[in-house]
Amino acid sequence: MMGGGGPTTTPSPNIAGNWSFSTTSTASGSPLTISGSINESTSSVSAALHIDGSACFDHLTTLSLTGNLTGFDLSLTSMSVGGQVITINGGITNNGLTGTYSINGGCASGDQGKVTGIQIPIVANTLNGTFTASGRNTFNLAAHVAQNSPSSKGS
């Protein structure tokens, strides 16, 4: 009789939090900065992201994306915004993502390429400092900075 403890599984990474992504287009599109928040539940992933650097997306518009995290593989697809749907697929390693993106439909249709991302650490601490204006005026400041869970608006 063989002993054993059954199969071992590697847990999926915790990707909930704030993220920043950069793109490199292979279709002569402009480099994009995509940032916002990702939330995950037992069976699905949702994200609220903003795109900057594109004439086709308003950076103030929150893009809602949904998808899956299977092991270390993340797949996200947006709802249509101006007829445009963005898809991000990649592998998660060390709080980062490396993969591909594509945009179908609308103004940016056909843009695709590589995407890299990093998970932004939570900022929570007390900050102290002295500020000096260009003249002689100075003032002291102490602020307590606390970041709660990622926002549904991607901020």
N, C-alpha and C. Protein backbone atom coordinates (compact mmCIF):
# COMPACT_ATOMS: atom_id res chain seq x y z
N MET A 1 0.84 -1.17 0.00
CA MET A 1 0.00 0.00 0.00
C MET A 1 0.88 1.23 0.00
N MET A 2 0.56 2.17 -0.85
CA MET A 2 1.35 3.39 -0.96
C MET A 2 0.77 4.43 -0.04
N GLY A 3 1.65 5.14 0.61
CA GLY A 3 1.21 6.24 1.47
C GLY A 3 1.17 7.51 0.66
N GLY A 4 0.55 8.45 1.17
CA GLY A 4 0.53 9.72 0.46
C GLY A 4 -0.51 10.62 1.03
N GLY A 5 -0.36 11.81 0.73
CA GLY A 5 -1.27 12.79 1.28
C GLY A 5 -2.16 13.41 0.25
N GLY A 6 -2.26 12.93 -0.91
CA GLY A 6 -3.11 13.55 -1.91
C GLY A 6 -2.35 14.64 -2.64
N PRO A 7 -2.98 15.20 -3.65
CA PRO A 7 -2.29 16.20 -4.47
C PRO A 7 -2.06 17.49 -3.69
N THR A 8 -0.96 18.12 -3.98
CA THR A 8 -0.72 19.43 -3.39
C THR A 8 -1.07 20.49 -4.43
N THR A 9 -1.57 21.57 -3.95
CA THR A 9 -1.93 22.66 -4.86
C THR A 9 -1.19 23.91 -4.45
N THR A 10 -0.85 24.69 -5.42
CA THR A 10 -0.22 25.98 -5.17
C THR A 10 -1.32 27.02 -5.17
N PRO A 11 -1.41 27.79 -4.09
CA PRO A 11 -2.49 28.79 -4.05
C PRO A 11 -2.29 29.88 -5.10
N SER A 12 -3.39 30.41 -5.57
CA SER A 12 -3.33 31.53 -6.52
C SER A 12 -2.81 32.76 -5.79
N PRO A 13 -2.18 33.67 -6.52
CA PRO A 13 -1.69 34.90 -5.87
C PRO A 13 -2.85 35.80 -5.47
N ASN A 14 -2.63 36.63 -4.49
CA ASN A 14 -3.62 37.62 -4.09
C ASN A 14 -3.40 38.86 -4.96
N ILE A 15 -4.29 39.09 -5.90
CA ILE A 15 -4.13 40.22 -6.82
C ILE A 15 -5.01 41.41 -6.48
N ALA A 16 -5.81 41.29 -5.42
CA ALA A 16 -6.68 42.40 -5.04
C ALA A 16 -5.82 43.59 -4.63
N GLY A 17 -6.15 44.74 -5.18
CA GLY A 17 -5.41 45.96 -4.83
C GLY A 17 -5.33 46.90 -6.01
N ASN A 18 -4.45 47.86 -5.89
CA ASN A 18 -4.25 48.87 -6.93
C ASN A 18 -3.13 48.44 -7.85
N TRP A 19 -3.31 48.68 -9.15
CA TRP A 19 -2.37 48.25 -10.18
C TRP A 19 -2.07 49.38 -11.14
N SER A 20 -0.88 49.31 -11.75
CA SER A 20 -0.50 50.20 -12.84
C SER A 20 0.09 49.35 -13.95
N PHE A 21 -0.40 49.54 -15.17
CA PHE A 21 0.04 48.77 -16.34
C PHE A 21 0.59 49.71 -17.40
N SER A 22 1.57 49.23 -18.15
CA SER A 22 2.11 49.95 -19.30
C SER A 22 2.01 49.04 -20.52
N THR A 23 1.74 49.65 -21.66
CA THR A 23 1.62 48.85 -22.89
C THR A 23 2.69 49.24 -23.89
N THR A 24 3.04 48.28 -24.73
CA THR A 24 3.89 48.50 -25.90
C THR A 24 3.15 47.92 -27.08
N SER A 25 2.70 48.78 -27.97
CA SER A 25 1.88 48.35 -29.09
C SER A 25 2.72 47.70 -30.19
N THR A 26 2.19 46.64 -30.76
CA THR A 26 2.80 46.03 -31.94
C THR A 26 2.04 46.44 -33.19
N ALA A 27 1.03 47.30 -33.03
CA ALA A 27 0.21 47.73 -34.15
C ALA A 27 0.28 49.25 -34.32
N SER A 28 1.39 49.83 -33.97
CA SER A 28 1.68 51.26 -34.10
C SER A 28 0.73 52.15 -33.30
N GLY A 29 0.12 51.60 -32.26
CA GLY A 29 -0.68 52.43 -31.37
C GLY A 29 0.23 53.15 -30.38
N SER A 30 -0.30 54.15 -29.72
CA SER A 30 0.47 54.89 -28.72
C SER A 30 0.64 54.04 -27.47
N PRO A 31 1.75 54.22 -26.74
CA PRO A 31 1.88 53.53 -25.45
C PRO A 31 0.78 54.03 -24.51
N LEU A 32 0.19 53.14 -23.78
CA LEU A 32 -0.89 53.48 -22.86
C LEU A 32 -0.45 53.22 -21.43
N THR A 33 -1.00 54.00 -20.52
CA THR A 33 -0.89 53.72 -19.09
C THR A 33 -2.29 53.36 -18.63
N ILE A 34 -2.40 52.20 -18.01
CA ILE A 34 -3.69 51.72 -17.52
C ILE A 34 -3.54 51.53 -16.02
N SER A 35 -4.41 52.15 -15.24
CA SER A 35 -4.28 52.04 -13.79
C SER A 35 -5.64 52.00 -13.14
N GLY A 36 -5.67 51.42 -11.96
CA GLY A 36 -6.90 51.32 -11.19
C GLY A 36 -6.83 50.19 -10.21
N SER A 37 -7.98 49.63 -9.90
CA SER A 37 -8.06 48.61 -8.87
C SER A 37 -8.61 47.30 -9.40
N ILE A 38 -8.14 46.22 -8.77
CA ILE A 38 -8.62 44.88 -9.09
C ILE A 38 -9.16 44.26 -7.81
N ASN A 39 -10.32 43.64 -7.91
CA ASN A 39 -10.92 42.91 -6.81
C ASN A 39 -11.09 41.46 -7.24
N GLU A 40 -11.00 40.55 -6.29
CA GLU A 40 -11.21 39.15 -6.63
C GLU A 40 -12.12 38.49 -5.60
N SER A 41 -12.91 37.55 -6.10
CA SER A 41 -13.73 36.73 -5.23
C SER A 41 -13.33 35.29 -5.49
N THR A 42 -14.05 34.37 -4.93
CA THR A 42 -13.70 32.96 -5.06
C THR A 42 -13.60 32.51 -6.50
N SER A 43 -14.51 32.97 -7.34
CA SER A 43 -14.56 32.44 -8.70
C SER A 43 -14.34 33.46 -9.80
N SER A 44 -14.20 34.73 -9.46
CA SER A 44 -14.07 35.71 -10.53
C SER A 44 -13.23 36.91 -10.09
N VAL A 45 -12.86 37.71 -11.08
CA VAL A 45 -12.07 38.91 -10.87
C VAL A 45 -12.80 40.07 -11.53
N SER A 46 -12.79 41.23 -10.88
CA SER A 46 -13.35 42.43 -11.50
C SER A 46 -12.32 43.55 -11.34
N ALA A 47 -12.37 44.49 -12.25
CA ALA A 47 -11.42 45.60 -12.21
C ALA A 47 -12.12 46.88 -12.62
N ALA A 48 -11.65 47.98 -12.06
CA ALA A 48 -12.08 49.33 -12.43
C ALA A 48 -10.81 50.06 -12.83
N LEU A 49 -10.63 50.29 -14.13
CA LEU A 49 -9.39 50.83 -14.65
C LEU A 49 -9.62 52.10 -15.46
N HIS A 50 -8.57 52.90 -15.57
CA HIS A 50 -8.58 54.11 -16.38
C HIS A 50 -7.42 54.02 -17.38
N ILE A 51 -7.66 54.50 -18.60
CA ILE A 51 -6.63 54.48 -19.64
C ILE A 51 -6.18 55.91 -19.90
N ASP A 52 -4.87 56.12 -19.88
CA ASP A 52 -4.28 57.42 -20.16
C ASP A 52 -3.33 57.28 -21.35
N GLY A 53 -3.25 58.31 -22.17
CA GLY A 53 -2.35 58.30 -23.31
C GLY A 53 -3.01 57.92 -24.61
N SER A 54 -4.34 57.88 -24.63
CA SER A 54 -5.07 57.48 -25.83
C SER A 54 -6.04 58.59 -26.23
N ALA A 55 -6.08 58.87 -27.53
CA ALA A 55 -7.08 59.81 -28.05
C ALA A 55 -8.46 59.15 -28.12
N CYS A 56 -8.50 57.83 -27.94
CA CYS A 56 -9.75 57.08 -28.09
C CYS A 56 -10.47 56.80 -26.77
N PHE A 57 -9.79 57.00 -25.65
CA PHE A 57 -10.39 56.78 -24.33
C PHE A 57 -10.25 58.05 -23.51
N ASP A 58 -11.32 58.42 -22.81
CA ASP A 58 -11.27 59.53 -21.87
C ASP A 58 -10.68 58.99 -20.57
N HIS A 59 -9.57 59.55 -20.11
CA HIS A 59 -8.92 59.03 -18.90
C HIS A 59 -9.78 59.15 -17.65
N LEU A 60 -10.83 59.96 -17.70
CA LEU A 60 -11.74 60.09 -16.56
C LEU A 60 -12.81 58.99 -16.54
N THR A 61 -12.97 58.27 -17.65
CA THR A 61 -13.97 57.21 -17.73
C THR A 61 -13.45 55.94 -17.07
N THR A 62 -14.25 55.39 -16.17
CA THR A 62 -13.89 54.14 -15.51
C THR A 62 -14.30 52.98 -16.40
N LEU A 63 -13.34 52.14 -16.76
CA LEU A 63 -13.63 50.93 -17.53
C LEU A 63 -13.88 49.80 -16.55
N SER A 64 -14.99 49.10 -16.71
CA SER A 64 -15.31 47.94 -15.89
C SER A 64 -14.87 46.69 -16.63
N LEU A 65 -14.04 45.88 -15.99
CA LEU A 65 -13.57 44.63 -16.59
C LEU A 65 -13.93 43.48 -15.66
N THR A 66 -14.17 42.33 -16.27
CA THR A 66 -14.41 41.11 -15.49
C THR A 66 -13.57 40.00 -16.10
N GLY A 67 -13.32 38.98 -15.31
CA GLY A 67 -12.54 37.87 -15.82
C GLY A 67 -12.26 36.83 -14.78
N ASN A 68 -11.17 36.10 -15.00
CA ASN A 68 -10.82 34.97 -14.15
C ASN A 68 -9.35 34.98 -13.80
N LEU A 69 -9.05 34.42 -12.65
CA LEU A 69 -7.68 34.13 -12.25
C LEU A 69 -7.62 32.62 -12.07
N THR A 70 -6.90 31.95 -12.96
CA THR A 70 -6.76 30.49 -12.91
C THR A 70 -5.30 30.20 -12.61
N GLY A 71 -5.04 29.77 -11.39
CA GLY A 71 -3.65 29.61 -10.98
C GLY A 71 -2.99 30.96 -10.99
N PHE A 72 -1.99 31.15 -11.83
CA PHE A 72 -1.28 32.42 -11.95
C PHE A 72 -1.60 33.14 -13.26
N ASP A 73 -2.64 32.68 -13.98
CA ASP A 73 -3.03 33.27 -15.26
C ASP A 73 -4.26 34.14 -15.09
N LEU A 74 -4.13 35.42 -15.44
CA LEU A 74 -5.21 36.39 -15.32
C LEU A 74 -5.76 36.72 -16.69
N SER A 75 -7.08 36.78 -16.80
CA SER A 75 -7.75 37.17 -18.04
C SER A 75 -8.85 38.17 -17.68
N LEU A 76 -8.81 39.37 -18.29
CA LEU A 76 -9.80 40.41 -18.05
C LEU A 76 -10.32 40.94 -19.38
N THR A 77 -11.63 41.20 -19.45
CA THR A 77 -12.26 41.78 -20.63
C THR A 77 -13.19 42.90 -20.18
N SER A 78 -13.11 44.04 -20.86
CA SER A 78 -13.93 45.19 -20.48
C SER A 78 -15.31 45.13 -21.10
N MET A 79 -16.18 45.91 -20.51
CA MET A 79 -17.46 46.21 -21.13
C MET A 79 -17.14 47.17 -22.28
N SER A 80 -18.02 47.28 -23.25
CA SER A 80 -17.80 48.17 -24.39
C SER A 80 -17.87 49.63 -23.94
N VAL A 81 -16.85 50.40 -24.33
CA VAL A 81 -16.82 51.84 -24.08
C VAL A 81 -16.59 52.50 -25.43
N GLY A 82 -17.57 53.21 -25.93
CA GLY A 82 -17.45 53.82 -27.25
C GLY A 82 -17.24 52.77 -28.33
N GLY A 83 -17.83 51.58 -28.14
CA GLY A 83 -17.68 50.49 -29.09
C GLY A 83 -16.36 49.73 -28.96
N GLN A 84 -15.53 50.12 -27.99
CA GLN A 84 -14.21 49.52 -27.80
C GLN A 84 -14.23 48.52 -26.64
N VAL A 85 -13.63 47.37 -26.86
CA VAL A 85 -13.51 46.35 -25.82
C VAL A 85 -12.03 46.03 -25.68
N ILE A 86 -11.50 46.16 -24.47
CA ILE A 86 -10.10 45.86 -24.22
C ILE A 86 -10.00 44.53 -23.47
N THR A 87 -9.03 43.71 -23.88
CA THR A 87 -8.78 42.42 -23.24
C THR A 87 -7.33 42.41 -22.77
N ILE A 88 -7.13 41.96 -21.53
CA ILE A 88 -5.79 41.83 -20.95
C ILE A 88 -5.63 40.39 -20.49
N ASN A 89 -4.57 39.73 -20.94
CA ASN A 89 -4.25 38.37 -20.53
C ASN A 89 -2.79 38.34 -20.09
N GLY A 90 -2.52 37.68 -18.97
CA GLY A 90 -1.13 37.63 -18.54
C GLY A 90 -0.90 36.70 -17.38
N GLY A 91 0.35 36.53 -17.08
CA GLY A 91 0.78 35.71 -15.97
C GLY A 91 1.22 36.58 -14.81
N ILE A 92 0.85 36.16 -13.60
CA ILE A 92 1.19 36.90 -12.38
C ILE A 92 2.45 36.28 -11.76
N THR A 93 3.45 37.11 -11.49
CA THR A 93 4.63 36.69 -10.75
C THR A 93 5.11 37.84 -9.88
N ASN A 94 5.42 37.56 -8.63
CA ASN A 94 6.01 38.56 -7.73
C ASN A 94 5.29 39.90 -7.76
N ASN A 95 3.98 39.91 -7.60
CA ASN A 95 3.17 41.12 -7.60
C ASN A 95 3.26 41.92 -8.89
N GLY A 96 3.50 41.21 -9.99
CA GLY A 96 3.55 41.86 -11.29
C GLY A 96 2.80 41.02 -12.32
N LEU A 97 2.58 41.58 -13.48
CA LEU A 97 1.91 40.90 -14.57
C LEU A 97 2.69 41.14 -15.85
N THR A 98 2.84 40.09 -16.64
CA THR A 98 3.42 40.20 -17.98
C THR A 98 2.49 39.47 -18.92
N GLY A 99 2.09 40.13 -20.01
CA GLY A 99 1.17 39.48 -20.92
C GLY A 99 0.90 40.30 -22.16
N THR A 100 -0.34 40.20 -22.65
CA THR A 100 -0.75 40.88 -23.87
C THR A 100 -2.06 41.63 -23.64
N TYR A 101 -2.30 42.60 -24.52
CA TYR A 101 -3.58 43.30 -24.51
C TYR A 101 -4.03 43.44 -25.95
N SER A 102 -5.33 43.63 -26.13
CA SER A 102 -5.86 43.93 -27.45
C SER A 102 -7.11 44.78 -27.29
N ILE A 103 -7.36 45.62 -28.29
CA ILE A 103 -8.55 46.46 -28.31
C ILE A 103 -9.29 46.17 -29.60
N ASN A 104 -10.56 45.83 -29.47
CA ASN A 104 -11.40 45.54 -30.64
C ASN A 104 -12.56 46.51 -30.67
N GLY A 105 -12.85 47.01 -31.87
CA GLY A 105 -13.98 47.90 -32.07
C GLY A 105 -13.63 49.35 -31.80
N GLY A 106 -14.44 50.23 -32.35
CA GLY A 106 -14.30 51.65 -32.09
C GLY A 106 -13.03 52.28 -32.60
N CYS A 107 -12.71 53.40 -32.05
CA CYS A 107 -11.58 54.23 -32.48
C CYS A 107 -10.23 53.52 -32.40
N ALA A 108 -9.99 52.73 -31.36
CA ALA A 108 -8.68 52.10 -31.16
C ALA A 108 -8.62 50.66 -31.67
N SER A 109 -9.61 50.27 -32.46
CA SER A 109 -9.68 48.88 -32.93
C SER A 109 -8.39 48.45 -33.61
N GLY A 110 -7.91 47.28 -33.26
CA GLY A 110 -6.71 46.73 -33.85
C GLY A 110 -5.45 46.98 -33.04
N ASP A 111 -5.54 47.89 -32.06
CA ASP A 111 -4.37 48.12 -31.22
C ASP A 111 -4.16 46.87 -30.36
N GLN A 112 -2.92 46.42 -30.29
CA GLN A 112 -2.59 45.24 -29.50
C GLN A 112 -1.10 45.25 -29.21
N GLY A 113 -0.70 44.42 -28.27
CA GLY A 113 0.72 44.35 -27.96
C GLY A 113 0.98 43.76 -26.60
N LYS A 114 2.10 44.18 -26.03
CA LYS A 114 2.53 43.66 -24.73
C LYS A 114 2.05 44.58 -23.62
N VAL A 115 1.78 43.96 -22.46
CA VAL A 115 1.40 44.73 -21.28
C VAL A 115 2.20 44.21 -20.09
N THR A 116 2.68 45.14 -19.28
CA THR A 116 3.34 44.79 -18.02
C THR A 116 2.67 45.59 -16.93
N GLY A 117 2.58 45.01 -15.76
CA GLY A 117 1.92 45.69 -14.66
C GLY A 117 2.57 45.39 -13.33
N ILE A 118 2.36 46.30 -12.39
CA ILE A 118 2.82 46.09 -11.03
C ILE A 118 1.69 46.40 -10.07
N GLN A 119 1.65 45.63 -9.00
CA GLN A 119 0.69 45.90 -7.94
C GLN A 119 1.28 46.98 -7.04
N ILE A 120 0.50 48.03 -6.81
CA ILE A 120 0.97 49.17 -6.02
C ILE A 120 0.73 48.85 -4.55
N PRO A 121 1.78 48.92 -3.72
CA PRO A 121 1.60 48.62 -2.30
C PRO A 121 0.67 49.60 -1.62
N ILE A 122 0.03 49.15 -0.58
CA ILE A 122 -0.85 50.01 0.20
C ILE A 122 -0.02 51.07 0.92
N VAL A 123 -0.50 52.31 0.88
CA VAL A 123 0.15 53.41 1.57
C VAL A 123 -0.60 53.65 2.87
N ALA A 124 0.07 53.50 3.98
CA ALA A 124 -0.56 53.76 5.28
C ALA A 124 0.55 54.11 6.27
N ASN A 125 0.58 55.36 6.67
CA ASN A 125 1.61 55.78 7.60
C ASN A 125 1.34 57.22 8.01
N THR A 126 2.13 57.70 8.94
CA THR A 126 2.07 59.10 9.31
C THR A 126 3.22 59.81 8.64
N LEU A 127 2.91 60.90 7.98
CA LEU A 127 3.92 61.69 7.28
C LEU A 127 4.11 63.01 8.01
N ASN A 128 5.35 63.39 8.24
CA ASN A 128 5.68 64.65 8.91
C ASN A 128 6.64 65.42 8.04
N GLY A 129 6.56 66.74 8.09
CA GLY A 129 7.53 67.52 7.34
C GLY A 129 7.34 69.00 7.55
N THR A 130 8.31 69.74 7.10
CA THR A 130 8.26 71.19 7.14
C THR A 130 8.27 71.69 5.71
N PHE A 131 7.34 72.54 5.40
CA PHE A 131 7.24 73.10 4.06
C PHE A 131 7.69 74.56 4.11
N THR A 132 8.53 74.93 3.18
CA THR A 132 9.03 76.30 3.11
C THR A 132 8.63 76.87 1.76
N ALA A 133 7.91 77.98 1.80
CA ALA A 133 7.53 78.66 0.57
C ALA A 133 8.76 79.35 -0.01
N SER A 134 8.64 79.87 -1.22
CA SER A 134 9.78 80.51 -1.85
C SER A 134 10.23 81.75 -1.07
N GLY A 135 9.37 82.28 -0.24
CA GLY A 135 9.74 83.41 0.63
C GLY A 135 10.25 82.88 1.96
N ARG A 136 9.87 83.53 3.02
CA ARG A 136 10.35 83.14 4.34
C ARG A 136 9.34 82.33 5.13
N ASN A 137 8.17 82.15 4.62
CA ASN A 137 7.12 81.46 5.38
C ASN A 137 7.34 79.94 5.39
N THR A 138 7.21 79.37 6.56
CA THR A 138 7.29 77.92 6.69
C THR A 138 6.13 77.45 7.54
N PHE A 139 5.75 76.20 7.37
CA PHE A 139 4.75 75.61 8.24
C PHE A 139 5.02 74.12 8.36
N ASN A 140 4.63 73.58 9.48
CA ASN A 140 4.79 72.15 9.74
C ASN A 140 3.52 71.43 9.39
N LEU A 141 3.67 70.23 8.94
CA LEU A 141 2.52 69.43 8.55
C LEU A 141 2.70 68.02 9.06
N ALA A 142 1.65 67.47 9.61
CA ALA A 142 1.61 66.05 9.98
C ALA A 142 0.32 65.50 9.41
N ALA A 143 0.41 64.42 8.68
CA ALA A 143 -0.78 63.83 8.07
C ALA A 143 -0.75 62.32 8.28
N HIS A 144 -1.89 61.78 8.56
CA HIS A 144 -2.01 60.33 8.64
C HIS A 144 -2.63 59.86 7.33
N VAL A 145 -1.91 59.03 6.61
CA VAL A 145 -2.36 58.53 5.32
C VAL A 145 -2.81 57.10 5.50
N ALA A 146 -4.02 56.81 5.08
CA ALA A 146 -4.53 55.45 5.18
C ALA A 146 -5.28 55.12 3.89
N GLN A 147 -5.02 53.98 3.38
CA GLN A 147 -5.67 53.54 2.14
C GLN A 147 -6.55 52.35 2.50
N ASN A 148 -7.80 52.45 2.17
CA ASN A 148 -8.72 51.33 2.40
C ASN A 148 -8.65 50.37 1.22
N SER A 149 -9.59 49.48 1.15
CA SER A 149 -9.62 48.54 0.04
C SER A 149 -9.80 49.27 -1.27
N PRO A 150 -9.43 48.64 -2.37
CA PRO A 150 -9.53 49.30 -3.69
C PRO A 150 -10.94 49.82 -3.96
N SER A 151 -11.01 50.95 -4.63
CA SER A 151 -12.27 51.60 -4.92
C SER A 151 -12.94 51.00 -6.16
N SER A 152 -14.25 51.02 -6.18
CA SER A 152 -14.99 50.54 -7.34
C SER A 152 -14.87 51.49 -8.52
N LYS A 153 -14.29 52.67 -8.31
CA LYS A 153 -14.08 53.66 -9.37
C LYS A 153 -12.64 53.63 -9.88
N GLY A 154 -11.82 52.71 -9.36
CA GLY A 154 -10.46 52.59 -9.85
C GLY A 154 -9.52 53.65 -9.34
N SER A 155 -9.85 54.24 -8.19
CA SER A 155 -8.99 55.28 -7.65
C SER A 155 -8.52 54.92 -6.26
